[in-house]
Amino acid sequence: MALPTATPTLAPPPFTERRYVVTLIFVVSLFMLWGLGVTMADILNKHFQQVLHVSKANSAYVQAATFGAYFIMGLPAGWFMKRFGYQKGVILGLGLYAAGAFLMVPAANAASFTLLLMALFVLACGLGTLEAVAHPFLDGLGDPASSDRRITFSHAINGIGAVSGPLIGGYFVLRGTHAAGDLSSVKTLYTIIGTVVGSIGLLFAFVKVPQLNAEHTPETRLGAPNETPTNLVADKSLFQHKHFVWACVAQLFNTAAQGGTWAYFINYGTDYMALKPGPEIHGFWQVGTLLSRTVGLAPGLPHLAGEVAAYFFSLSLVGMMLGRFLGTYLMQYIAPNRLLAFAAAANIVMCLVVAQHWGWVSFGALIGLNFFFSVMFPIIYSLGLKDVGRHKQLASSFIVMGVVGAALFPRFVMGPVANASVAHAYYLPIICYVVVFIYGIKLYKAGRA
């Protein structure tokens, strides 16, 4: 009688290979840079309301300029990296990022909301280019089977930049009082950002990038006739991959929810929360003081200051960063699509609680939204890039274009409601999370064997 044999346990594929480590470090650092650029824009909303007397709804044109640039630059970035490669695509993105930061200086001198939006648009064209290039770049820096983990880990590092944005912006921009039209703090801040980003671009130009995995060779990028894409026939067009199409739709709704949540976070804090008397608070690291002195709005207590609300925004982004590190670990044991569906369901509940403005309960739910949001963007991205073979570069561009949801949703959907009630505006992202939930349960595998 034959003895039963044990089924061998397959080890997870390696995170990357030694030859890719230096390049991987540079590419991962890009995620931190655009995290800083994106969340800094959410600080500008409140500042422009105060200094330039812009309404809450119209201040969301900051998000329209920022994320609209993602939509505009998505395809050009894809064509550029397909023709010239990932490294030059990164340099282009960093160049636009730095140029936009420097353009903020003359725009601030003119105290013109329109010119400031134009400068932010140029800056965000750089962010969109970096995001379109970095995801397939990461996919090529190791085994394709471990790309989910590389992308989610990189988005965790993105969280460091995202946390830094409100901290730096709160210190430079929201701190103290500013006279009407006084944008001197904006000029100082963006001059520093432009200098740092431009310097990193120069350094990256001298990095020697090793040959990437087989799906990202120059021949595959240019669509050589003898290529053999992963598990696919070579002549299948990009939009015949239904799971990719649904990834674009899911990312559109996902980023719409993110953009709306972030755009009105500080307004929610200043409208519904108050600060009990005490010593000055200097940063979000004073967690105990922040938690003990912040209460629901009550008679006789001052509204929470914008600077302090920005500290809570940073605290929520720490949760997002931790969520991505946790997600990177959990994806070794839990299918990414299931993790995505769970996170979307959790945020539906969170939005329902936020909309009730129950003091700390609702504000805590608002802070918690980012923890569950953390894994959504990278998982949708990586699932959308699966099994598209030679189309990875353009697939990445189209998924990036889905970020236009964050340009439209805050201003044109949440904005009119937020002018009357910021809390009630948080009912609207529930629609978006329902779409993401359905994608994670079913549509992520549409058309795939």
Protein backbone atom coordinates (compact mmCIF):
# COMPACT_ATOMS: atom_id res chain seq x y z
CA MET A 1 0.00 0.00 0.00
CA ALA A 2 1.49 3.30 -1.10
CA LEU A 3 1.92 5.97 1.54
CA PRO A 4 0.27 9.33 0.81
CA THR A 5 2.72 11.97 -0.27
CA ALA A 6 2.63 15.45 1.17
CA THR A 7 1.63 18.21 -1.19
CA PRO A 8 4.61 20.56 -1.53
CA THR A 9 4.01 24.09 -0.29
CA LEU A 10 4.88 26.63 -2.93
CA ALA A 11 6.94 29.53 -1.59
CA PRO A 12 5.74 33.00 -2.62
CA PRO A 13 7.79 34.49 -5.47
CA PRO A 14 10.66 36.78 -4.40
CA PHE A 15 9.86 40.44 -3.90
CA THR A 16 12.58 41.44 -6.42
CA GLU A 17 16.10 40.45 -7.54
CA ARG A 18 19.43 41.83 -6.33
CA ARG A 19 20.23 43.46 -9.68
CA TYR A 20 17.10 45.61 -9.42
CA VAL A 21 17.60 46.93 -5.86
CA VAL A 22 19.15 50.33 -6.68
CA THR A 23 16.62 51.07 -9.43
CA LEU A 24 13.79 49.87 -7.19
CA ILE A 25 14.84 52.31 -4.44
CA PHE A 26 14.73 55.24 -6.87
CA VAL A 27 11.36 54.20 -8.33
CA VAL A 28 9.83 53.68 -4.89
CA SER A 29 11.03 57.17 -3.88
CA LEU A 30 8.90 58.57 -6.72
CA PHE A 31 5.79 57.34 -4.91
CA MET A 32 6.78 59.41 -1.89
CA LEU A 33 7.28 62.51 -4.06
CA TRP A 34 3.88 62.41 -5.70
CA GLY A 35 2.21 61.59 -2.38
CA LEU A 36 3.62 64.88 -1.11
CA GLY A 37 2.43 66.76 -4.20
CA VAL A 38 -1.13 65.41 -4.08
CA THR A 39 -1.88 65.94 -0.38
CA MET A 40 -0.28 69.39 -0.43
CA ALA A 41 -3.08 70.41 -2.80
CA ASP A 42 -5.67 69.54 -0.15
CA ILE A 43 -4.01 72.05 2.21
CA LEU A 44 -4.28 74.73 -0.48
CA ASN A 45 -8.08 74.35 -0.57
CA LYS A 46 -8.51 75.84 2.89
CA HIS A 47 -5.77 78.45 2.37
CA PHE A 48 -7.30 79.76 -0.85
CA GLN A 49 -10.71 79.94 0.85
CA GLN A 50 -9.20 82.19 3.51
CA VAL A 51 -6.70 84.32 1.56
CA LEU A 52 -8.35 84.57 -1.87
CA HIS A 53 -11.95 84.36 -0.56
CA VAL A 54 -12.82 81.35 -2.71
CA SER A 55 -15.98 79.36 -1.85
CA LYS A 56 -15.74 75.76 -0.62
CA ALA A 57 -17.10 74.41 -3.89
CA ASN A 58 -14.84 76.60 -6.06
CA SER A 59 -11.78 75.73 -3.97
CA ALA A 60 -12.23 72.18 -5.29
CA TYR A 61 -10.96 73.48 -8.65
CA VAL A 62 -7.59 72.76 -7.00
CA GLN A 63 -8.48 69.06 -7.26
CA ALA A 64 -9.87 69.60 -10.76
CA ALA A 65 -6.55 71.09 -11.90
CA THR A 66 -4.49 68.45 -10.10
CA PHE A 67 -6.35 65.33 -11.14
CA GLY A 68 -7.50 66.71 -14.48
CA ALA A 69 -3.80 66.79 -15.39
CA TYR A 70 -3.64 63.05 -14.74
CA PHE A 71 -6.34 62.56 -17.36
CA ILE A 72 -4.64 64.84 -19.88
CA MET A 73 -1.17 63.33 -19.40
CA GLY A 74 -2.19 59.67 -19.18
CA LEU A 75 -1.88 58.77 -22.86
CA PRO A 76 1.03 61.10 -23.74
CA ALA A 77 2.99 59.58 -20.84
CA GLY A 78 2.19 56.08 -22.12
CA TRP A 79 3.29 56.90 -25.65
CA PHE A 80 6.45 58.58 -24.36
CA MET A 81 7.57 55.65 -22.21
CA LYS A 82 6.65 53.17 -24.94
CA ARG A 83 8.94 55.05 -27.34
CA PHE A 84 11.76 56.20 -25.04
CA GLY A 85 11.62 53.84 -22.08
CA TYR A 86 10.82 54.13 -18.40
CA GLN A 87 13.90 56.04 -17.26
CA LYS A 88 13.33 58.96 -19.62
CA GLY A 89 9.65 58.89 -18.69
CA VAL A 90 10.62 59.38 -15.04
CA ILE A 91 12.92 62.29 -15.94
CA LEU A 92 10.12 63.93 -17.95
CA GLY A 93 7.74 63.57 -14.99
CA LEU A 94 10.20 65.04 -12.50
CA GLY A 95 10.96 67.92 -14.88
CA LEU A 96 7.28 68.86 -15.17
CA TYR A 97 6.83 68.51 -11.41
CA ALA A 98 9.72 70.91 -10.72
CA ALA A 99 8.61 73.37 -13.42
CA GLY A 100 5.09 73.55 -11.99
CA ALA A 101 6.45 74.12 -8.48
CA PHE A 102 8.59 77.05 -9.69
CA LEU A 103 5.62 78.49 -11.63
CA MET A 104 3.73 78.76 -8.33
CA VAL A 105 6.01 81.70 -7.41
CA PRO A 106 4.92 84.19 -10.14
CA ALA A 107 1.34 82.95 -9.79
CA ALA A 108 1.44 83.72 -6.05
CA ASN A 109 3.00 87.12 -6.75
CA ALA A 110 -0.02 87.93 -8.90
CA ALA A 111 -2.39 86.58 -6.20
CA SER A 112 -4.39 85.04 -9.05
CA PHE A 113 -6.42 81.90 -8.36
CA THR A 114 -6.48 81.17 -12.10
CA LEU A 115 -2.70 81.39 -12.48
CA LEU A 116 -2.20 79.26 -9.37
CA LEU A 117 -4.46 76.60 -10.87
CA MET A 118 -2.45 76.69 -14.11
CA ALA A 119 0.83 76.21 -12.19
CA LEU A 120 -0.71 73.33 -10.24
CA PHE A 121 -1.85 71.81 -13.54
CA VAL A 122 1.74 71.79 -14.87
CA LEU A 123 2.99 70.33 -11.59
CA ALA A 124 0.29 67.65 -11.69
CA CYS A 125 1.18 66.77 -15.29
CA GLY A 126 4.49 65.71 -13.78
CA LEU A 127 2.71 63.72 -11.06
CA GLY A 128 0.52 61.98 -13.64
CA THR A 129 3.54 61.13 -15.80
CA LEU A 130 5.39 59.68 -12.80
CA GLU A 131 2.40 57.58 -11.82
CA ALA A 132 1.84 56.26 -15.34
CA VAL A 133 5.51 55.31 -15.66
CA ALA A 134 6.23 54.01 -12.15
CA HIS A 135 3.59 51.24 -12.02
CA PRO A 136 4.71 49.27 -15.11
CA PHE A 137 8.32 50.10 -14.18
CA LEU A 138 7.77 48.34 -10.83
CA ASP A 139 6.04 45.47 -12.61
CA GLY A 140 9.25 44.92 -14.60
CA LEU A 141 11.58 44.98 -11.57
CA GLY A 142 11.15 41.32 -10.69
CA ASP A 143 8.83 38.34 -11.04
CA PRO A 144 5.43 39.44 -12.45
CA ALA A 145 3.77 37.15 -9.87
CA SER A 146 5.01 39.39 -7.03
CA SER A 147 4.08 42.70 -8.71
CA ASP A 148 1.01 43.10 -6.41
CA ARG A 149 3.33 43.20 -3.40
CA ARG A 150 5.84 45.58 -5.00
CA ILE A 151 3.11 48.01 -6.04
CA THR A 152 1.30 47.91 -2.68
CA PHE A 153 4.60 48.31 -0.78
CA SER A 154 5.49 51.31 -2.94
CA HIS A 155 2.11 52.85 -2.18
CA ALA A 156 2.91 52.36 1.51
CA ILE A 157 6.03 54.48 0.95
CA ASN A 158 3.76 56.88 -0.92
CA GLY A 159 2.05 57.25 2.44
CA ILE A 160 5.18 58.84 3.91
CA GLY A 161 4.93 61.62 1.33
CA ALA A 162 1.16 61.82 1.80
CA VAL A 163 1.58 62.27 5.56
CA SER A 164 4.30 64.87 5.02
CA GLY A 165 2.11 67.00 2.72
CA PRO A 166 -0.40 68.18 5.34
CA LEU A 167 2.36 68.48 7.97
CA ILE A 168 4.59 70.66 5.81
CA GLY A 169 1.64 72.52 4.31
CA GLY A 170 0.05 73.06 7.72
CA TYR A 171 3.32 74.48 9.05
CA PHE A 172 4.15 76.72 6.08
CA VAL A 173 0.71 77.62 4.77
CA LEU A 174 -2.03 77.33 7.42
CA ARG A 175 0.00 78.39 10.45
CA GLY A 176 -0.82 81.80 11.89
CA THR A 177 -2.94 84.46 10.21
CA HIS A 178 -2.59 85.73 6.66
CA ALA A 179 -3.78 88.99 5.18
CA ALA A 180 -5.97 88.91 2.09
CA GLY A 181 -3.83 88.06 -0.92
CA ASP A 182 -0.78 87.09 1.19
CA LEU A 183 0.69 84.01 -0.49
CA SER A 184 4.31 84.43 0.62
CA SER A 185 4.27 81.07 2.43
CA VAL A 186 3.15 79.35 -0.78
CA LYS A 187 6.09 80.87 -2.67
CA THR A 188 8.64 79.69 -0.10
CA LEU A 189 7.19 76.19 0.09
CA TYR A 190 7.04 75.53 -3.65
CA THR A 191 10.49 76.97 -4.29
CA ILE A 192 11.88 74.35 -1.90
CA ILE A 193 9.81 71.59 -3.52
CA GLY A 194 10.92 72.54 -7.05
CA THR A 195 14.59 72.54 -6.00
CA VAL A 196 14.39 69.11 -4.33
CA VAL A 197 12.43 67.47 -7.16
CA GLY A 198 14.70 68.92 -9.86
CA SER A 199 17.78 67.64 -8.02
CA ILE A 200 16.34 64.11 -7.80
CA GLY A 201 15.63 64.21 -11.55
CA LEU A 202 19.28 65.04 -12.25
CA LEU A 203 20.46 62.18 -10.03
CA PHE A 204 18.12 59.65 -11.66
CA ALA A 205 19.52 60.53 -15.09
CA PHE A 206 22.79 58.88 -14.02
CA VAL A 207 21.26 55.63 -12.68
CA LYS A 208 22.09 52.57 -14.78
CA VAL A 209 18.86 50.60 -15.19
CA PRO A 210 19.34 46.81 -15.73
CA GLN A 211 17.29 44.88 -18.29
CA LEU A 212 13.75 44.35 -16.97
CA ASN A 213 11.74 41.13 -17.06
CA ALA A 214 10.63 39.69 -20.40
CA GLU A 215 7.33 41.61 -20.52
CA HIS A 216 9.15 44.96 -20.40
CA THR A 217 11.99 44.61 -22.91
CA PRO A 218 12.29 47.30 -25.62
CA GLU A 219 10.99 44.80 -28.19
CA THR A 220 7.88 44.10 -26.13
CA ARG A 221 7.32 47.80 -25.43
CA LEU A 222 7.33 48.53 -29.13
CA GLY A 223 5.12 45.57 -29.97
CA ALA A 224 7.51 43.31 -31.87
CA PRO A 225 5.63 40.83 -34.08
CA ASN A 226 7.36 37.78 -32.55
CA GLU A 227 6.49 38.61 -28.93
CA THR A 228 4.66 36.15 -26.70
CA PRO A 229 2.63 38.05 -24.11
CA THR A 230 1.79 36.26 -20.86
CA ASN A 231 -0.99 33.70 -21.43
CA LEU A 232 -2.40 35.67 -24.35
CA VAL A 233 -2.44 35.65 -28.12
CA ALA A 234 -0.27 38.47 -29.45
CA ASP A 235 -2.97 40.14 -31.54
CA LYS A 236 -5.54 40.62 -28.77
CA SER A 237 -6.27 44.35 -28.42
CA LEU A 238 -6.09 46.15 -25.08
CA PHE A 239 -9.81 46.83 -24.78
CA GLN A 240 -10.64 43.17 -25.43
CA HIS A 241 -9.32 42.55 -21.91
CA LYS A 242 -12.54 43.12 -19.99
CA HIS A 243 -10.87 42.93 -16.59
CA PHE A 244 -8.69 45.87 -17.64
CA VAL A 245 -11.71 47.91 -18.79
CA TRP A 246 -13.44 47.33 -15.47
CA ALA A 247 -10.22 48.26 -13.64
CA CYS A 248 -10.37 51.67 -15.36
CA VAL A 249 -14.00 52.08 -14.27
CA ALA A 250 -13.24 50.99 -10.71
CA GLN A 251 -10.27 53.36 -10.49
CA LEU A 252 -12.43 56.23 -11.75
CA PHE A 253 -14.92 55.73 -8.92
CA ASN A 254 -12.23 54.89 -6.37
CA THR A 255 -10.29 58.10 -6.97
CA ALA A 256 -13.53 60.08 -7.05
CA ALA A 257 -14.23 58.91 -3.51
CA GLN A 258 -10.65 59.63 -2.44
CA GLY A 259 -10.61 63.11 -3.96
CA GLY A 260 -13.88 64.08 -2.31
CA THR A 261 -12.86 62.67 1.07
CA TRP A 262 -9.58 64.57 1.09
CA ALA A 263 -10.89 67.83 -0.39
CA TYR A 264 -13.36 68.41 2.46
CA PHE A 265 -11.53 66.73 5.35
CA ILE A 266 -10.22 70.00 6.85
CA ASN A 267 -13.57 71.72 6.29
CA TYR A 268 -15.26 68.85 8.17
CA GLY A 269 -12.90 69.35 11.11
CA THR A 270 -13.36 73.13 11.25
CA ASP A 271 -17.16 72.89 10.81
CA TYR A 272 -18.03 70.13 13.29
CA MET A 273 -15.18 69.87 15.80
CA ALA A 274 -13.96 72.21 18.56
CA LEU A 275 -10.80 72.59 20.63
CA LYS A 276 -10.87 72.91 24.42
CA PRO A 277 -8.61 75.65 25.90
CA GLY A 278 -4.98 74.77 26.56
CA PRO A 279 -1.37 75.20 25.37
CA GLU A 280 -0.59 75.59 21.67
CA ILE A 281 -0.46 72.33 19.69
CA HIS A 282 2.65 72.05 17.54
CA GLY A 283 2.12 68.86 15.52
CA PHE A 284 0.16 65.68 14.94
CA TRP A 285 2.71 63.73 17.00
CA GLN A 286 1.04 65.24 20.10
CA VAL A 287 -1.61 62.57 19.66
CA GLY A 288 -2.67 62.46 23.31
CA THR A 289 -3.19 66.21 23.46
CA LEU A 290 -5.04 66.26 20.13
CA LEU A 291 -7.40 63.49 21.20
CA SER A 292 -8.06 64.84 24.70
CA ARG A 293 -8.71 68.46 23.73
CA THR A 294 -10.65 67.94 20.49
CA VAL A 295 -14.39 67.52 20.99
CA GLY A 296 -17.57 67.79 19.02
CA LEU A 297 -18.67 71.38 18.40
CA ALA A 298 -20.32 72.84 21.51
CA PRO A 299 -21.47 76.34 22.62
CA GLY A 300 -18.66 78.45 24.03
CA LEU A 301 -15.85 76.49 22.39
CA PRO A 302 -13.93 77.74 19.34
CA HIS A 303 -14.09 75.81 16.09
CA LEU A 304 -11.09 73.61 15.36
CA ALA A 305 -8.44 75.69 13.57
CA GLY A 306 -7.46 74.72 10.03
CA GLU A 307 -3.89 74.04 11.14
CA VAL A 308 -5.07 71.56 13.80
CA ALA A 309 -7.50 69.91 11.36
CA ALA A 310 -4.51 69.44 9.03
CA TYR A 311 -2.75 67.53 11.83
CA PHE A 312 -5.70 65.14 11.98
CA PHE A 313 -5.50 64.79 8.20
CA SER A 314 -1.85 63.76 8.60
CA LEU A 315 -2.87 61.31 11.31
CA SER A 316 -5.38 59.73 8.94
CA LEU A 317 -2.67 59.41 6.29
CA VAL A 318 -0.46 57.59 8.83
CA GLY A 319 -3.34 55.11 9.00
CA MET A 320 -3.29 54.85 5.21
CA MET A 321 0.46 54.18 5.22
CA LEU A 322 0.10 51.49 7.91
CA GLY A 323 -2.80 49.97 5.99
CA ARG A 324 -0.61 49.58 2.92
CA PHE A 325 2.20 47.91 4.86
CA LEU A 326 -0.37 45.59 6.42
CA GLY A 327 -1.93 44.96 3.01
CA THR A 328 1.46 44.05 1.52
CA TYR A 329 1.82 41.40 4.23
CA LEU A 330 -1.77 40.10 4.05
CA MET A 331 -1.63 39.61 0.28
CA GLN A 332 0.70 36.68 0.86
CA TYR A 333 -2.31 34.88 2.38
CA ILE A 334 -5.45 36.68 1.15
CA ALA A 335 -6.36 37.15 -2.52
CA PRO A 336 -5.97 40.85 -3.42
CA ASN A 337 -9.49 41.08 -4.85
CA ARG A 338 -11.00 39.86 -1.56
CA LEU A 339 -8.99 42.38 0.41
CA LEU A 340 -10.25 45.08 -1.98
CA ALA A 341 -13.89 44.08 -1.54
CA PHE A 342 -13.58 44.02 2.26
CA ALA A 343 -11.99 47.50 2.31
CA ALA A 344 -14.74 48.93 0.07
CA ALA A 345 -17.47 47.46 2.28
CA ALA A 346 -15.80 48.93 5.38
CA ASN A 347 -15.70 52.40 3.81
CA ILE A 348 -19.40 52.26 2.94
CA VAL A 349 -20.08 51.89 6.67
CA MET A 350 -17.55 54.62 7.52
CA CYS A 351 -19.19 57.13 5.14
CA LEU A 352 -22.61 56.45 6.66
CA VAL A 353 -21.21 57.29 10.10
CA VAL A 354 -19.33 60.40 8.88
CA ALA A 355 -22.51 61.83 7.34
CA GLN A 356 -24.28 61.84 10.73
CA HIS A 357 -21.78 64.33 12.30
CA TRP A 358 -21.91 62.58 15.68
CA GLY A 359 -18.90 64.45 17.07
CA TRP A 360 -15.89 62.22 17.73
CA VAL A 361 -17.61 59.07 16.47
CA SER A 362 -18.07 60.57 13.00
CA PHE A 363 -14.71 62.36 12.98
CA GLY A 364 -13.02 59.09 13.96
CA ALA A 365 -14.77 57.37 11.06
CA LEU A 366 -13.51 60.12 8.73
CA ILE A 367 -9.97 59.52 9.96
CA GLY A 368 -10.47 55.76 9.49
CA LEU A 369 -11.55 56.06 5.85
CA ASN A 370 -7.93 56.35 4.74
CA PHE A 371 -6.92 53.12 6.51
CA PHE A 372 -9.35 51.10 4.41
CA PHE A 373 -8.80 53.19 1.31
CA SER A 374 -5.07 52.37 1.55
CA VAL A 375 -5.10 49.13 -0.45
CA MET A 376 -7.73 50.06 -3.02
CA PHE A 377 -5.72 52.11 -5.51
CA PRO A 378 -2.70 49.75 -5.76
CA ILE A 379 -4.81 46.59 -5.89
CA ILE A 380 -7.06 47.92 -8.66
CA TYR A 381 -3.95 49.03 -10.54
CA SER A 382 -2.15 45.69 -10.27
CA LEU A 383 -5.26 43.63 -11.10
CA GLY A 384 -5.86 45.78 -14.18
CA LEU A 385 -2.30 45.19 -15.46
CA LYS A 386 -2.50 41.40 -15.13
CA ASP A 387 -2.21 39.39 -18.35
CA VAL A 388 -2.29 42.28 -20.81
CA GLY A 389 1.17 41.41 -22.19
CA ARG A 390 2.58 43.97 -24.59
CA HIS A 391 -0.13 46.49 -23.65
CA LYS A 392 1.12 47.12 -20.08
CA GLN A 393 2.40 50.63 -20.81
CA LEU A 394 -0.81 51.90 -22.40
CA ALA A 395 -2.90 49.95 -19.87
CA SER A 396 -1.09 51.84 -17.12
CA SER A 397 -1.83 55.15 -18.86
CA PHE A 398 -5.55 54.44 -19.14
CA ILE A 399 -5.79 53.42 -15.48
CA VAL A 400 -4.00 56.65 -14.52
CA MET A 401 -6.56 58.56 -16.59
CA GLY A 402 -9.21 57.17 -14.24
CA VAL A 403 -7.84 59.57 -11.63
CA VAL A 404 -9.94 62.22 -13.39
CA GLY A 405 -12.68 61.04 -11.01
CA ALA A 406 -10.88 62.98 -8.28
CA ALA A 407 -10.96 66.07 -10.50
CA LEU A 408 -14.69 65.99 -11.13
CA PHE A 409 -16.30 64.48 -8.04
CA PRO A 410 -15.20 67.00 -5.35
CA ARG A 411 -16.23 70.10 -7.32
CA PHE A 412 -19.25 69.00 -9.34
CA VAL A 413 -20.82 66.24 -7.19
CA MET A 414 -19.80 66.81 -3.56
CA GLY A 415 -19.17 70.57 -3.85
CA PRO A 416 -22.79 71.81 -4.17
CA VAL A 417 -23.83 69.61 -1.23
CA ALA A 418 -20.77 70.64 0.84
CA ASN A 419 -21.70 74.32 0.48
CA ALA A 420 -24.82 73.51 2.51
CA SER A 421 -23.54 70.62 4.66
CA VAL A 422 -20.05 69.10 4.49
CA ALA A 423 -21.26 66.10 6.53
CA HIS A 424 -24.10 65.23 4.15
CA ALA A 425 -21.69 65.40 1.20
CA TYR A 426 -20.09 62.23 2.57
CA TYR A 427 -23.16 60.18 1.59
CA LEU A 428 -22.06 60.54 -2.03
CA PRO A 429 -18.78 58.51 -1.95
CA ILE A 430 -20.88 55.47 -0.94
CA ILE A 431 -21.88 55.13 -4.61
CA CYS A 432 -18.20 54.92 -5.54
CA TYR A 433 -17.37 52.30 -2.94
CA VAL A 434 -20.26 50.10 -4.14
CA VAL A 435 -18.68 50.05 -7.63
CA VAL A 436 -15.26 49.15 -6.15
CA PHE A 437 -16.88 46.39 -4.07
CA ILE A 438 -18.49 44.83 -7.15
CA TYR A 439 -15.16 44.99 -9.00
CA GLY A 440 -13.40 43.18 -6.15
CA ILE A 441 -16.08 40.49 -5.91
CA LYS A 442 -16.64 39.75 -9.58
CA LEU A 443 -15.44 42.13 -12.29
CA TYR A 444 -11.68 41.81 -11.59
CA LYS A 445 -11.74 38.50 -13.49
CA ALA A 446 -14.12 39.46 -16.32
CA GLY A 447 -12.93 37.91 -19.59
CA ARG A 448 -9.96 36.14 -17.96
CA ALA A 449 -9.56 32.37 -18.07
